[in-house]
Amino acid sequence: MALEVRTARHEELEAAFAIRREVFCGEQQLFADCDQDEHDHSAVHLVAVCDGVVVGTVRLYERDAGVWVGGRLAVRSDNRGAAGFELVRHAVREAALRGAQVFLAVVQVRNERFFHRLGWVTVVTTEGVAGVPHVLMKAPDVRLRERGARAS
């Protein structure tokens, strides 16, 4: 069972959006029928692919000069764990390679511990979505990760 994380190919975007609908509209009921918004058009979409099938996704976009935001991390229920970890790790690396000085994410409180294990820190509690509490989190120093990524 080989897992690959990469920038989504055009033909993989619909599968990525379908996973987001499955997770955010179906399982969690955060949105009625679509979670897409104004950031999707310009975002970099990453996908986790297992044995040729898209099983997870995350997006990242530049909010301000040097400030990147990750979000809409969604993984099919039978692939959670390693796929989520790898998507976050690759998103941080991708943001760094694109010039991020800071990488942020608004995360559901129930997933805060997962991000802490990856070295992220909680910045502040934010307004929730559909009554679900969220926190703003910051990735470890992305500039250091960029130098490490270029050295390998």
C-alpha atoms as a PDB file:
ATOM      1  CA  MET A   1       0.000   0.000   0.000  1.00  0.00           C
ATOM      2  CA  ALA A   2       2.106   2.894  -1.329  1.00  0.00           C
ATOM      3  CA  LEU A   3       1.138   6.438  -0.326  1.00  0.00           C
ATOM      4  CA  GLU A   4       2.192   9.420  -2.442  1.00  0.00           C
ATOM      5  CA  VAL A   5       1.447  13.091  -1.746  1.00  0.00           C
ATOM      6  CA  ARG A   6       1.643  15.480  -4.676  1.00  0.00           C
ATOM      7  CA  THR A   7       0.142  18.581  -6.207  1.00  0.00           C
ATOM      8  CA  ALA A   8      -3.246  17.566  -7.574  1.00  0.00           C
ATOM      9  CA  ARG A   9      -3.395  16.979 -11.285  1.00  0.00           C
ATOM     10  CA  HIS A  10      -6.339  18.599 -13.050  1.00  0.00           C
ATOM     11  CA  GLU A  11      -8.144  15.271 -13.326  1.00  0.00           C
ATOM     12  CA  GLU A  12      -7.686  14.632  -9.556  1.00  0.00           C
ATOM     13  CA  LEU A  13      -9.363  17.837  -8.375  1.00  0.00           C
ATOM     14  CA  GLU A  14     -12.908  16.465  -8.577  1.00  0.00           C
ATOM     15  CA  ALA A  15     -11.871  13.466  -6.458  1.00  0.00           C
ATOM     16  CA  ALA A  16     -10.319  15.875  -3.930  1.00  0.00           C
ATOM     17  CA  PHE A  17     -13.498  17.975  -3.799  1.00  0.00           C
ATOM     18  CA  ALA A  18     -15.592  14.807  -3.455  1.00  0.00           C
ATOM     19  CA  ILE A  19     -13.565  13.766  -0.392  1.00  0.00           C
ATOM     20  CA  ARG A  20     -14.064  17.205   1.111  1.00  0.00           C
ATOM     21  CA  ARG A  21     -17.830  16.948   0.520  1.00  0.00           C
ATOM     22  CA  GLU A  22     -17.828  13.462   2.058  1.00  0.00           C
ATOM     23  CA  VAL A  23     -16.017  14.674   5.183  1.00  0.00           C
ATOM     24  CA  PHE A  24     -17.227  18.257   5.709  1.00  0.00           C
ATOM     25  CA  CYS A  25     -20.781  17.994   4.354  1.00  0.00           C
ATOM     26  CA  GLY A  26     -21.558  14.328   5.034  1.00  0.00           C
ATOM     27  CA  GLU A  27     -19.693  13.162   8.135  1.00  0.00           C
ATOM     28  CA  GLN A  28     -19.280  16.438   9.994  1.00  0.00           C
ATOM     29  CA  GLN A  29     -22.200  18.418   8.539  1.00  0.00           C
ATOM     30  CA  LEU A  30     -20.234  21.678   8.651  1.00  0.00           C
ATOM     31  CA  PHE A  31     -21.658  22.739   5.275  1.00  0.00           C
ATOM     32  CA  ALA A  32     -24.977  21.944   3.606  1.00  0.00           C
ATOM     33  CA  ASP A  33     -23.772  20.512   0.304  1.00  0.00           C
ATOM     34  CA  CYS A  34     -20.527  22.251  -0.734  1.00  0.00           C
ATOM     35  CA  ASP A  35     -17.490  23.478   1.188  1.00  0.00           C
ATOM     36  CA  GLN A  36     -15.797  25.220  -1.732  1.00  0.00           C
ATOM     37  CA  ASP A  37     -15.145  28.945  -1.381  1.00  0.00           C
ATOM     38  CA  GLU A  38     -13.288  31.869  -2.949  1.00  0.00           C
ATOM     39  CA  HIS A  39      -9.868  30.444  -1.971  1.00  0.00           C
ATOM     40  CA  ASP A  40     -10.206  27.242  -3.980  1.00  0.00           C
ATOM     41  CA  HIS A  41      -9.660  28.915  -7.330  1.00  0.00           C
ATOM     42  CA  SER A  42      -6.163  30.193  -6.455  1.00  0.00           C
ATOM     43  CA  ALA A  43      -5.158  27.555  -3.887  1.00  0.00           C
ATOM     44  CA  VAL A  44      -2.538  24.874  -4.330  1.00  0.00           C
ATOM     45  CA  HIS A  45      -4.343  21.567  -3.842  1.00  0.00           C
ATOM     46  CA  LEU A  46      -2.373  18.573  -2.629  1.00  0.00           C
ATOM     47  CA  VAL A  47      -3.664  15.024  -2.776  1.00  0.00           C
ATOM     48  CA  ALA A  48      -2.699  11.813  -1.035  1.00  0.00           C
ATOM     49  CA  VAL A  49      -2.826   8.926  -3.484  1.00  0.00           C
ATOM     50  CA  CYS A  50      -2.826   5.300  -2.355  1.00  0.00           C
ATOM     51  CA  ASP A  51      -2.512   2.579  -4.973  1.00  0.00           C
ATOM     52  CA  GLY A  52      -3.655   5.014  -7.677  1.00  0.00           C
ATOM     53  CA  VAL A  53      -6.711   6.294  -5.757  1.00  0.00           C
ATOM     54  CA  VAL A  54      -7.047   9.782  -4.233  1.00  0.00           C
ATOM     55  CA  VAL A  55      -7.708   9.213  -0.510  1.00  0.00           C
ATOM     56  CA  GLY A  56      -7.073  12.658   0.955  1.00  0.00           C
ATOM     57  CA  THR A  57      -6.510  16.321   0.227  1.00  0.00           C
ATOM     58  CA  VAL A  58      -5.442  19.641   1.696  1.00  0.00           C
ATOM     59  CA  ARG A  59      -5.228  23.105   0.190  1.00  0.00           C
ATOM     60  CA  LEU A  60      -2.915  26.035   0.813  1.00  0.00           C
ATOM     61  CA  TYR A  61      -2.961  29.620  -0.366  1.00  0.00           C
ATOM     62  CA  GLU A  62      -1.113  32.876   0.236  1.00  0.00           C
ATOM     63  CA  ARG A  63      -3.255  35.203   2.371  1.00  0.00           C
ATOM     64  CA  ASP A  64      -0.735  38.053   2.557  1.00  0.00           C
ATOM     65  CA  ALA A  65       2.854  38.424   1.377  1.00  0.00           C
ATOM     66  CA  GLY A  66       4.761  35.586   3.062  1.00  0.00           C
ATOM     67  CA  VAL A  67       1.733  34.400   5.050  1.00  0.00           C
ATOM     68  CA  TRP A  68       0.252  31.131   3.823  1.00  0.00           C
ATOM     69  CA  VAL A  69      -2.839  29.367   5.114  1.00  0.00           C
ATOM     70  CA  GLY A  70      -3.565  25.652   4.961  1.00  0.00           C
ATOM     71  CA  GLY A  71      -7.005  24.169   5.285  1.00  0.00           C
ATOM     72  CA  ARG A  72      -9.732  21.794   4.213  1.00  0.00           C
ATOM     73  CA  LEU A  73      -7.607  18.805   5.272  1.00  0.00           C
ATOM     74  CA  ALA A  74      -9.810  15.811   4.523  1.00  0.00           C
ATOM     75  CA  VAL A  75      -9.002  12.110   4.382  1.00  0.00           C
ATOM     76  CA  ARG A  76     -11.332   9.198   3.693  1.00  0.00           C
ATOM     77  CA  SER A  77     -12.190   7.447   6.952  1.00  0.00           C
ATOM     78  CA  ASP A  78     -10.413   4.197   6.042  1.00  0.00           C
ATOM     79  CA  ASN A  79      -7.151   6.038   5.247  1.00  0.00           C
ATOM     80  CA  ARG A  80      -6.816   8.395   8.214  1.00  0.00           C
ATOM     81  CA  GLY A  81      -3.559   8.553  10.131  1.00  0.00           C
ATOM     82  CA  ALA A  82      -0.548   8.371   7.851  1.00  0.00           C
ATOM     83  CA  ALA A  83      -2.286  10.149   4.969  1.00  0.00           C
ATOM     84  CA  GLY A  84      -3.237  13.119   7.157  1.00  0.00           C
ATOM     85  CA  PHE A  85       0.267  13.325   8.611  1.00  0.00           C
ATOM     86  CA  GLU A  86       1.869  13.259   5.157  1.00  0.00           C
ATOM     87  CA  LEU A  87      -0.554  15.831   3.740  1.00  0.00           C
ATOM     88  CA  VAL A  88       0.257  18.286   6.550  1.00  0.00           C
ATOM     89  CA  ARG A  89       4.001  17.643   6.255  1.00  0.00           C
ATOM     90  CA  HIS A  90       3.916  18.217   2.488  1.00  0.00           C
ATOM     91  CA  ALA A  91       1.735  21.324   2.836  1.00  0.00           C
ATOM     92  CA  VAL A  92       4.289  22.912   5.191  1.00  0.00           C
ATOM     93  CA  ARG A  93       7.097  22.047   2.797  1.00  0.00           C
ATOM     94  CA  GLU A  94       5.168  23.342  -0.236  1.00  0.00           C
ATOM     95  CA  ALA A  95       4.375  26.631   1.516  1.00  0.00           C
ATOM     96  CA  ALA A  96       8.048  27.060   2.434  1.00  0.00           C
ATOM     97  CA  LEU A  97       9.161  26.384  -1.125  1.00  0.00           C
ATOM     98  CA  ARG A  98       6.695  29.034  -2.320  1.00  0.00           C
ATOM     99  CA  GLY A  99       8.178  31.645   0.017  1.00  0.00           C
ATOM    100  CA  ALA A 100       6.093  31.357   3.173  1.00  0.00           C
ATOM    101  CA  GLN A 101       7.525  33.057   6.233  1.00  0.00           C
ATOM    102  CA  VAL A 102       4.535  31.930   8.290  1.00  0.00           C
ATOM    103  CA  PHE A 103       2.144  29.022   7.732  1.00  0.00           C
ATOM    104  CA  LEU A 104      -1.201  29.031   9.545  1.00  0.00           C
ATOM    105  CA  ALA A 105      -4.265  26.811   9.698  1.00  0.00           C
ATOM    106  CA  VAL A 106      -7.692  27.060  11.284  1.00  0.00           C
ATOM    107  CA  VAL A 107      -8.225  23.645  12.844  1.00  0.00           C
ATOM    108  CA  GLN A 108     -11.119  21.983  14.620  1.00  0.00           C
ATOM    109  CA  VAL A 109     -10.377  21.789  18.338  1.00  0.00           C
ATOM    110  CA  ARG A 110     -10.771  18.010  18.218  1.00  0.00           C
ATOM    111  CA  ASN A 111      -7.772  17.879  15.807  1.00  0.00           C
ATOM    112  CA  GLU A 112      -5.588  20.276  17.805  1.00  0.00           C
ATOM    113  CA  ARG A 113      -3.586  17.470  19.476  1.00  0.00           C
ATOM    114  CA  PHE A 114      -2.784  15.913  16.071  1.00  0.00           C
ATOM    115  CA  PHE A 115      -1.214  19.219  14.977  1.00  0.00           C
ATOM    116  CA  HIS A 116       0.633  19.608  18.293  1.00  0.00           C
ATOM    117  CA  ARG A 117       2.281  16.229  17.639  1.00  0.00           C
ATOM    118  CA  LEU A 118       3.519  17.677  14.346  1.00  0.00           C
ATOM    119  CA  GLY A 119       5.111  20.627  16.144  1.00  0.00           C
ATOM    120  CA  TRP A 120       2.367  23.193  15.518  1.00  0.00           C
ATOM    121  CA  VAL A 121       1.397  25.687  18.225  1.00  0.00           C
ATOM    122  CA  THR A 122      -2.025  27.053  19.067  1.00  0.00           C
ATOM    123  CA  VAL A 123      -2.266  30.812  18.541  1.00  0.00           C
ATOM    124  CA  VAL A 124      -5.863  31.607  19.512  1.00  0.00           C
ATOM    125  CA  THR A 125      -9.374  30.182  19.650  1.00  0.00           C
ATOM    126  CA  THR A 126     -11.420  31.369  16.671  1.00  0.00           C
ATOM    127  CA  GLU A 127     -15.043  31.561  15.686  1.00  0.00           C
ATOM    128  CA  GLY A 128     -16.243  28.086  14.891  1.00  0.00           C
ATOM    129  CA  VAL A 129     -17.968  26.766  11.795  1.00  0.00           C
ATOM    130  CA  ALA A 130     -21.523  25.452  12.250  1.00  0.00           C
ATOM    131  CA  GLY A 131     -21.045  25.551  16.009  1.00  0.00           C
ATOM    132  CA  VAL A 132     -17.862  23.432  15.909  1.00  0.00           C
ATOM    133  CA  PRO A 133     -15.013  25.127  17.850  1.00  0.00           C
ATOM    134  CA  HIS A 134     -11.808  25.902  15.941  1.00  0.00           C
ATOM    135  CA  VAL A 135      -8.333  27.215  16.802  1.00  0.00           C
ATOM    136  CA  LEU A 136      -5.802  29.161  14.764  1.00  0.00           C
ATOM    137  CA  MET A 137      -2.523  27.247  14.672  1.00  0.00           C
ATOM    138  CA  LYS A 138       0.968  28.050  13.423  1.00  0.00           C
ATOM    139  CA  ALA A 139       3.417  25.604  11.874  1.00  0.00           C
ATOM    140  CA  PRO A 140       6.992  25.302  13.084  1.00  0.00           C
ATOM    141  CA  ASP A 141       9.394  27.760  11.444  1.00  0.00           C
ATOM    142  CA  VAL A 142       8.798  27.044   7.758  1.00  0.00           C
ATOM    143  CA  ARG A 143      11.998  28.809   6.681  1.00  0.00           C
ATOM    144  CA  LEU A 144      14.067  26.187   8.518  1.00  0.00           C
ATOM    145  CA  ARG A 145      12.082  23.411   6.858  1.00  0.00           C
ATOM    146  CA  GLU A 146      12.657  25.015   3.450  1.00  0.00           C
ATOM    147  CA  ARG A 147      16.439  24.883   3.903  1.00  0.00           C
ATOM    148  CA  GLY A 148      16.155  21.230   4.930  1.00  0.00           C
ATOM    149  CA  ALA A 149      13.938  20.438   1.943  1.00  0.00           C
ATOM    150  CA  ARG A 150      16.413  22.007  -0.479  1.00  0.00           C
ATOM    151  CA  ALA A 151      19.348  20.154   1.079  1.00  0.00           C
ATOM    152  CA  SER A 152      17.721  16.760   0.488  1.00  0.00           C
END
